[in-house]
Amino acid sequence: MSITPIMKVTYDSQSDRVRILFSNAPIERSAAEAAGLTLDYDDKGHVVGLELAQASLRMHDPRAVEFVEESDAIANEGVA
């Protein structure tokens, strides 16, 4: 099976969870890293996803996603 790099962000309003997948690799195990934050690992120990519980309490708007390239973020640092 070929593993394709991806980034996929989903929000489930029923469970109030945001999930971010970084790869389509099968998840071998998951571990709670902090209150409300779970990391998913592949069979080699690489982080392939994360899940944030109670997202609406931890984020301004869990439905809003903005993609910013690193060069854009650096250029806009300090801009108010």
PDB file of N, CA and C in Angstrom:
ATOM      1  N   MET A   1       0.842  -1.183   0.000  1.00  0.00           N
ATOM      2  CA  MET A   1       0.000   0.000   0.000  1.00  0.00           C
ATOM      3  C   MET A   1       0.881   1.238   0.000  1.00  0.00           C
ATOM      4  N   SER A   2       0.542   2.174  -0.834  1.00  0.00           N
ATOM      5  CA  SER A   2       1.274   3.432  -0.921  1.00  0.00           C
ATOM      6  C   SER A   2       0.684   4.425   0.076  1.00  0.00           C
ATOM      7  N   ILE A   3       1.572   5.099   0.812  1.00  0.00           N
ATOM      8  CA  ILE A   3       1.119   6.102   1.769  1.00  0.00           C
ATOM      9  C   ILE A   3       1.339   7.467   1.154  1.00  0.00           C
ATOM     10  N   THR A   4       0.251   8.182   0.979  1.00  0.00           N
ATOM     11  CA  THR A   4       0.292   9.496   0.358  1.00  0.00           C
ATOM     12  C   THR A   4       0.238  10.566   1.438  1.00  0.00           C
ATOM     13  N   PRO A   5       1.152  11.539   1.380  1.00  0.00           N
ATOM     14  CA  PRO A   5       1.060  12.638   2.339  1.00  0.00           C
ATOM     15  C   PRO A   5      -0.205  13.451   2.069  1.00  0.00           C
ATOM     16  N   ILE A   6      -0.933  13.721   3.111  1.00  0.00           N
ATOM     17  CA  ILE A   6      -2.156  14.512   3.004  1.00  0.00           C
ATOM     18  C   ILE A   6      -2.249  15.405   4.231  1.00  0.00           C
ATOM     19  N   MET A   7      -3.137  16.343   4.194  1.00  0.00           N
ATOM     20  CA  MET A   7      -3.575  16.995   5.411  1.00  0.00           C
ATOM     21  C   MET A   7      -5.076  17.149   5.261  1.00  0.00           C
ATOM     22  N   LYS A   8      -5.785  16.550   6.173  1.00  0.00           N
ATOM     23  CA  LYS A   8      -7.238  16.561   6.129  1.00  0.00           C
ATOM     24  C   LYS A   8      -7.743  16.998   7.498  1.00  0.00           C
ATOM     25  N   VAL A   9      -8.585  18.028   7.514  1.00  0.00           N
ATOM     26  CA  VAL A   9      -9.141  18.552   8.758  1.00  0.00           C
ATOM     27  C   VAL A   9     -10.644  18.342   8.725  1.00  0.00           C
ATOM     28  N   THR A  10     -11.170  17.722   9.774  1.00  0.00           N
ATOM     29  CA  THR A  10     -12.609  17.524   9.870  1.00  0.00           C
ATOM     30  C   THR A  10     -13.099  17.995  11.239  1.00  0.00           C
ATOM     31  N   TYR A  11     -14.343  18.441  11.261  1.00  0.00           N
ATOM     32  CA  TYR A  11     -14.987  18.811  12.520  1.00  0.00           C
ATOM     33  C   TYR A  11     -16.298  18.063  12.609  1.00  0.00           C
ATOM     34  N   ASP A  12     -16.498  17.332  13.688  1.00  0.00           N
ATOM     35  CA  ASP A  12     -17.741  16.607  13.933  1.00  0.00           C
ATOM     36  C   ASP A  12     -18.514  17.381  14.995  1.00  0.00           C
ATOM     37  N   SER A  13     -19.562  18.070  14.591  1.00  0.00           N
ATOM     38  CA  SER A  13     -20.319  18.905  15.521  1.00  0.00           C
ATOM     39  C   SER A  13     -21.092  18.058  16.542  1.00  0.00           C
ATOM     40  N   GLN A  14     -21.446  16.828  16.185  1.00  0.00           N
ATOM     41  CA  GLN A  14     -22.162  15.946  17.119  1.00  0.00           C
ATOM     42  C   GLN A  14     -21.292  15.616  18.336  1.00  0.00           C
ATOM     43  N   SER A  15     -20.024  15.271  18.084  1.00  0.00           N
ATOM     44  CA  SER A  15     -19.122  14.922  19.186  1.00  0.00           C
ATOM     45  C   SER A  15     -18.228  16.098  19.591  1.00  0.00           C
ATOM     46  N   ASP A  16     -18.310  17.210  18.844  1.00  0.00           N
ATOM     47  CA  ASP A  16     -17.515  18.415  19.094  1.00  0.00           C
ATOM     48  C   ASP A  16     -16.021  18.099  19.100  1.00  0.00           C
ATOM     49  N   ARG A  17     -15.574  17.419  18.043  1.00  0.00           N
ATOM     50  CA  ARG A  17     -14.169  17.022  17.908  1.00  0.00           C
ATOM     51  C   ARG A  17     -13.598  17.501  16.579  1.00  0.00           C
ATOM     52  N   VAL A  18     -12.381  18.008  16.642  1.00  0.00           N
ATOM     53  CA  VAL A  18     -11.618  18.329  15.438  1.00  0.00           C
ATOM     54  C   VAL A  18     -10.582  17.232  15.261  1.00  0.00           C
ATOM     55  N   ARG A  19     -10.486  16.725  14.041  1.00  0.00           N
ATOM     56  CA  ARG A  19      -9.477  15.711  13.728  1.00  0.00           C
ATOM     57  C   ARG A  19      -8.636  16.230  12.579  1.00  0.00           C
ATOM     58  N   ILE A  20      -7.320  16.125  12.726  1.00  0.00           N
ATOM     59  CA  ILE A  20      -6.381  16.493  11.669  1.00  0.00           C
ATOM     60  C   ILE A  20      -5.569  15.255  11.338  1.00  0.00           C
ATOM     61  N   LEU A  21      -5.617  14.847  10.073  1.00  0.00           N
ATOM     62  CA  LEU A  21      -4.816  13.724   9.598  1.00  0.00           C
ATOM     63  C   LEU A  21      -3.679  14.269   8.752  1.00  0.00           C
ATOM     64  N   PHE A  22      -2.492  13.753   8.980  1.00  0.00           N
ATOM     65  CA  PHE A  22      -1.300  14.182   8.251  1.00  0.00           C
ATOM     66  C   PHE A  22      -0.890  13.175   7.188  1.00  0.00           C
ATOM     67  N   SER A  23      -1.487  12.017   7.193  1.00  0.00           N
ATOM     68  CA  SER A  23      -1.105  10.938   6.292  1.00  0.00           C
ATOM     69  C   SER A  23      -2.273   9.963   6.206  1.00  0.00           C
ATOM     70  N   ASN A  24      -2.276   9.133   5.174  1.00  0.00           N
ATOM     71  CA  ASN A  24      -3.300   8.099   5.096  1.00  0.00           C
ATOM     72  C   ASN A  24      -2.774   6.763   5.626  1.00  0.00           C
ATOM     73  N   ALA A  25      -1.662   6.797   6.355  1.00  0.00           N
ATOM     74  CA  ALA A  25      -1.111   5.588   6.969  1.00  0.00           C
ATOM     75  C   ALA A  25      -2.101   5.051   8.001  1.00  0.00           C
ATOM     76  N   PRO A  26      -2.201   3.747   8.102  1.00  0.00           N
ATOM     77  CA  PRO A  26      -3.091   3.174   9.116  1.00  0.00           C
ATOM     78  C   PRO A  26      -2.648   3.575  10.526  1.00  0.00           C
ATOM     79  N   ILE A  27      -3.604   3.840  11.374  1.00  0.00           N
ATOM     80  CA  ILE A  27      -3.306   4.208  12.759  1.00  0.00           C
ATOM     81  C   ILE A  27      -3.062   2.920  13.545  1.00  0.00           C
ATOM     82  N   GLU A  28      -1.887   2.831  14.113  1.00  0.00           N
ATOM     83  CA  GLU A  28      -1.504   1.651  14.889  1.00  0.00           C
ATOM     84  C   GLU A  28      -1.926   1.801  16.353  1.00  0.00           C
ATOM     85  N   ARG A  29      -1.762   3.009  16.889  1.00  0.00           N
ATOM     86  CA  ARG A  29      -2.159   3.251  18.273  1.00  0.00           C
ATOM     87  C   ARG A  29      -2.466   4.728  18.468  1.00  0.00           C
ATOM     88  N   SER A  30      -3.221   5.015  19.506  1.00  0.00           N
ATOM     89  CA  SER A  30      -3.550   6.386  19.871  1.00  0.00           C
ATOM     90  C   SER A  30      -3.200   6.572  21.336  1.00  0.00           C
ATOM     91  N   ALA A  31      -2.801   7.792  21.679  1.00  0.00           N
ATOM     92  CA  ALA A  31      -2.429   8.073  23.059  1.00  0.00           C
ATOM     93  C   ALA A  31      -2.914   9.455  23.459  1.00  0.00           C
ATOM     94  N   ALA A  32      -3.539   9.531  24.632  1.00  0.00           N
ATOM     95  CA  ALA A  32      -3.951  10.823  25.177  1.00  0.00           C
ATOM     96  C   ALA A  32      -2.694  11.528  25.668  1.00  0.00           C
ATOM     97  N   GLU A  33      -2.384  12.675  25.075  1.00  0.00           N
ATOM     98  CA  GLU A  33      -1.165  13.405  25.417  1.00  0.00           C
ATOM     99  C   GLU A  33      -1.423  14.507  26.428  1.00  0.00           C
ATOM    100  N   ALA A  34      -2.611  15.053  26.423  1.00  0.00           N
ATOM    101  CA  ALA A  34      -3.012  16.108  27.354  1.00  0.00           C
ATOM    102  C   ALA A  34      -4.535  16.071  27.407  1.00  0.00           C
ATOM    103  N   ALA A  35      -5.105  16.813  28.352  1.00  0.00           N
ATOM    104  CA  ALA A  35      -6.560  16.838  28.475  1.00  0.00           C
ATOM    105  C   ALA A  35      -7.191  17.252  27.149  1.00  0.00           C
ATOM    106  N   GLY A  36      -7.941  16.339  26.543  1.00  0.00           N
ATOM    107  CA  GLY A  36      -8.646  16.642  25.309  1.00  0.00           C
ATOM    108  C   GLY A  36      -7.840  16.487  24.040  1.00  0.00           C
ATOM    109  N   LEU A  37      -6.561  16.126  24.138  1.00  0.00           N
ATOM    110  CA  LEU A  37      -5.715  15.988  22.949  1.00  0.00           C
ATOM    111  C   LEU A  37      -5.215  14.559  22.832  1.00  0.00           C
ATOM    112  N   THR A  38      -5.535  13.930  21.714  1.00  0.00           N
ATOM    113  CA  THR A  38      -5.101  12.565  21.437  1.00  0.00           C
ATOM    114  C   THR A  38      -4.256  12.566  20.173  1.00  0.00           C
ATOM    115  N   LEU A  39      -3.111  11.910  20.217  1.00  0.00           N
ATOM    116  CA  LEU A  39      -2.259  11.764  19.043  1.00  0.00           C
ATOM    117  C   LEU A  39      -2.382  10.339  18.511  1.00  0.00           C
ATOM    118  N   ASP A  40      -2.388  10.200  17.185  1.00  0.00           N
ATOM    119  CA  ASP A  40      -2.451   8.904  16.514  1.00  0.00           C
ATOM    120  C   ASP A  40      -1.104   8.615  15.881  1.00  0.00           C
ATOM    121  N   TYR A  41      -0.643   7.368  16.026  1.00  0.00           N
ATOM    122  CA  TYR A  41       0.671   6.957  15.535  1.00  0.00           C
ATOM    123  C   TYR A  41       0.550   5.806  14.557  1.00  0.00           C
ATOM    124  N   ASP A  42       1.472   5.764  13.583  1.00  0.00           N
ATOM    125  CA  ASP A  42       1.530   4.623  12.676  1.00  0.00           C
ATOM    126  C   ASP A  42       2.410   3.540  13.292  1.00  0.00           C
ATOM    127  N   ASP A  43       2.658   2.466  12.544  1.00  0.00           N
ATOM    128  CA  ASP A  43       3.436   1.340  13.080  1.00  0.00           C
ATOM    129  C   ASP A  43       4.913   1.664  13.284  1.00  0.00           C
ATOM    130  N   LYS A  44       5.384   2.801  12.752  1.00  0.00           N
ATOM    131  CA  LYS A  44       6.781   3.212  12.941  1.00  0.00           C
ATOM    132  C   LYS A  44       6.912   4.281  14.033  1.00  0.00           C
ATOM    133  N   GLY A  45       5.791   4.648  14.660  1.00  0.00           N
ATOM    134  CA  GLY A  45       5.820   5.641  15.722  1.00  0.00           C
ATOM    135  C   GLY A  45       5.704   7.073  15.254  1.00  0.00           C
ATOM    136  N   HIS A  46       5.425   7.279  13.962  1.00  0.00           N
ATOM    137  CA  HIS A  46       5.237   8.626  13.432  1.00  0.00           C
ATOM    138  C   HIS A  46       3.825   9.121  13.751  1.00  0.00           C
ATOM    139  N   VAL A  47       3.705  10.395  14.100  1.00  0.00           N
ATOM    140  CA  VAL A  47       2.387  10.981  14.329  1.00  0.00           C
ATOM    141  C   VAL A  47       1.696  11.127  12.975  1.00  0.00           C
ATOM    142  N   VAL A  48       0.520  10.530  12.845  1.00  0.00           N
ATOM    143  CA  VAL A  48      -0.222  10.603  11.595  1.00  0.00           C
ATOM    144  C   VAL A  48      -1.531  11.370  11.741  1.00  0.00           C
ATOM    145  N   GLY A  49      -1.872  11.727  12.987  1.00  0.00           N
ATOM    146  CA  GLY A  49      -3.090  12.478  13.197  1.00  0.00           C
ATOM    147  C   GLY A  49      -3.224  12.939  14.635  1.00  0.00           C
ATOM    148  N   LEU A  50      -4.178  13.830  14.819  1.00  0.00           N
ATOM    149  CA  LEU A  50      -4.504  14.264  16.176  1.00  0.00           C
ATOM    150  C   LEU A  50      -5.983  14.559  16.257  1.00  0.00           C
ATOM    151  N   GLU A  51      -6.489  14.494  17.475  1.00  0.00           N
ATOM    152  CA  GLU A  51      -7.889  14.785  17.713  1.00  0.00           C
ATOM    153  C   GLU A  51      -8.002  15.698  18.922  1.00  0.00           C
ATOM    154  N   LEU A  52      -8.819  16.723  18.794  1.00  0.00           N
ATOM    155  CA  LEU A  52      -9.055  17.673  19.868  1.00  0.00           C
ATOM    156  C   LEU A  52     -10.515  17.560  20.299  1.00  0.00           C
ATOM    157  N   ALA A  53     -10.728  17.126  21.546  1.00  0.00           N
ATOM    158  CA  ALA A  53     -12.082  16.998  22.086  1.00  0.00           C
ATOM    159  C   ALA A  53     -12.562  18.343  22.612  1.00  0.00           C
ATOM    160  N   GLN A  54     -13.863  18.500  22.700  1.00  0.00           N
ATOM    161  CA  GLN A  54     -14.490  19.740  23.162  1.00  0.00           C
ATOM    162  C   GLN A  54     -13.924  20.941  22.403  1.00  0.00           C
ATOM    163  N   ALA A  55     -13.850  20.774  21.102  1.00  0.00           N
ATOM    164  CA  ALA A  55     -13.207  21.772  20.240  1.00  0.00           C
ATOM    165  C   ALA A  55     -13.842  23.149  20.352  1.00  0.00           C
ATOM    166  N   SER A  56     -15.155  23.211  20.466  1.00  0.00           N
ATOM    167  CA  SER A  56     -15.811  24.522  20.514  1.00  0.00           C
ATOM    168  C   SER A  56     -15.464  25.284  21.793  1.00  0.00           C
ATOM    169  N   LEU A  57     -15.002  24.588  22.817  1.00  0.00           N
ATOM    170  CA  LEU A  57     -14.569  25.241  24.055  1.00  0.00           C
ATOM    171  C   LEU A  57     -13.096  25.641  24.011  1.00  0.00           C
ATOM    172  N   ARG A  58     -12.335  25.036  23.098  1.00  0.00           N
ATOM    173  CA  ARG A  58     -10.890  25.246  23.036  1.00  0.00           C
ATOM    174  C   ARG A  58     -10.436  26.100  21.858  1.00  0.00           C
ATOM    175  N   MET A  59     -11.364  26.356  20.923  1.00  0.00           N
ATOM    176  CA  MET A  59     -11.037  27.116  19.718  1.00  0.00           C
ATOM    177  C   MET A  59     -12.098  28.186  19.502  1.00  0.00           C
ATOM    178  N   HIS A  60     -11.721  29.238  18.815  1.00  0.00           N
ATOM    179  CA  HIS A  60     -12.692  30.286  18.489  1.00  0.00           C
ATOM    180  C   HIS A  60     -13.792  29.735  17.585  1.00  0.00           C
ATOM    181  N   ASP A  61     -13.403  29.069  16.499  1.00  0.00           N
ATOM    182  CA  ASP A  61     -14.373  28.502  15.566  1.00  0.00           C
ATOM    183  C   ASP A  61     -13.808  27.224  14.969  1.00  0.00           C
ATOM    184  N   PRO A  62     -14.235  26.056  15.469  1.00  0.00           N
ATOM    185  CA  PRO A  62     -13.672  24.800  14.971  1.00  0.00           C
ATOM    186  C   PRO A  62     -14.005  24.509  13.509  1.00  0.00           C
ATOM    187  N   ARG A  63     -14.943  25.251  12.921  1.00  0.00           N
ATOM    188  CA  ARG A  63     -15.275  25.050  11.506  1.00  0.00           C
ATOM    189  C   ARG A  63     -14.366  25.846  10.577  1.00  0.00           C
ATOM    190  N   ALA A  64     -13.651  26.817  11.112  1.00  0.00           N
ATOM    191  CA  ALA A  64     -12.805  27.685  10.295  1.00  0.00           C
ATOM    192  C   ALA A  64     -11.398  27.094  10.182  1.00  0.00           C
ATOM    193  N   VAL A  65     -10.934  26.983   8.957  1.00  0.00           N
ATOM    194  CA  VAL A  65      -9.590  26.486   8.704  1.00  0.00           C
ATOM    195  C   VAL A  65      -8.903  27.472   7.769  1.00  0.00           C
ATOM    196  N   GLU A  66      -7.708  27.863   8.132  1.00  0.00           N
ATOM    197  CA  GLU A  66      -6.921  28.751   7.273  1.00  0.00           C
ATOM    198  C   GLU A  66      -5.576  28.098   7.035  1.00  0.00           C
ATOM    199  N   PHE A  67      -5.207  27.970   5.787  1.00  0.00           N
ATOM    200  CA  PHE A  67      -3.909  27.423   5.437  1.00  0.00           C
ATOM    201  C   PHE A  67      -2.972  28.582   5.141  1.00  0.00           C
ATOM    202  N   VAL A  68      -1.855  28.628   5.846  1.00  0.00           N
ATOM    203  CA  VAL A  68      -0.880  29.692   5.653  1.00  0.00           C
ATOM    204  C   VAL A  68       0.467  29.053   5.381  1.00  0.00           C
ATOM    205  N   GLU A  69       1.071  29.384   4.261  1.00  0.00           N
ATOM    206  CA  GLU A  69       2.403  28.876   3.965  1.00  0.00           C
ATOM    207  C   GLU A  69       3.403  29.558   4.875  1.00  0.00           C
ATOM    208  N   GLU A  70       4.465  28.868   5.227  1.00  0.00           N
ATOM    209  CA  GLU A  70       5.445  29.388   6.170  1.00  0.00           C
ATOM    210  C   GLU A  70       6.002  30.738   5.742  1.00  0.00           C
ATOM    211  N   SER A  71       6.292  30.922   4.471  1.00  0.00           N
ATOM    212  CA  SER A  71       6.841  32.203   4.012  1.00  0.00           C
ATOM    213  C   SER A  71       5.843  33.332   4.242  1.00  0.00           C
ATOM    214  N   ASP A  72       4.540  33.048   4.090  1.00  0.00           N
ATOM    215  CA  ASP A  72       3.509  34.066   4.348  1.00  0.00           C
ATOM    216  C   ASP A  72       3.429  34.396   5.827  1.00  0.00           C
ATOM    217  N   ALA A  73       3.540  33.379   6.683  1.00  0.00           N
ATOM    218  CA  ALA A  73       3.465  33.593   8.132  1.00  0.00           C
ATOM    219  C   ALA A  73       4.634  34.438   8.607  1.00  0.00           C
ATOM    220  N   ILE A  74       5.820  34.160   8.088  1.00  0.00           N
ATOM    221  CA  ILE A  74       7.012  34.929   8.485  1.00  0.00           C
ATOM    222  C   ILE A  74       6.886  36.367   8.013  1.00  0.00           C
ATOM    223  N   ALA A  75       6.387  36.558   6.798  1.00  0.00           N
ATOM    224  CA  ALA A  75       6.258  37.922   6.247  1.00  0.00           C
ATOM    225  C   ALA A  75       5.252  38.739   7.034  1.00  0.00           C
ATOM    226  N   ASN A  76       4.257  38.080   7.639  1.00  0.00           N
ATOM    227  CA  ASN A  76       3.209  38.800   8.359  1.00  0.00           C
ATOM    228  C   ASN A  76       3.438  38.866   9.864  1.00  0.00           C
ATOM    229  N   GLU A  77       4.575  38.341  10.348  1.00  0.00           N
ATOM    230  CA  GLU A  77       4.858  38.409  11.779  1.00  0.00           C
ATOM    231  C   GLU A  77       4.944  39.863  12.220  1.00  0.00           C
ATOM    232  N   GLY A  78       4.329  40.155  13.330  1.00  0.00           N
ATOM    233  CA  GLY A  78       4.390  41.497  13.875  1.00  0.00           C
ATOM    234  C   GLY A  78       3.423  42.476  13.232  1.00  0.00           C
ATOM    235  N   VAL A  79       2.653  42.000  12.236  1.00  0.00           N
ATOM    236  CA  VAL A  79       1.672  42.878  11.601  1.00  0.00           C
ATOM    237  C   VAL A  79       0.420  42.867  12.468  1.00  0.00           C
ATOM    238  N   ALA A  80      -0.015  44.033  12.885  1.00  0.00           N
ATOM    239  CA  ALA A  80      -1.196  44.080  13.770  1.00  0.00           C
ATOM    240  C   ALA A  80      -2.455  44.290  12.962  1.00  0.00           C
TER     241      ALA A  80
END
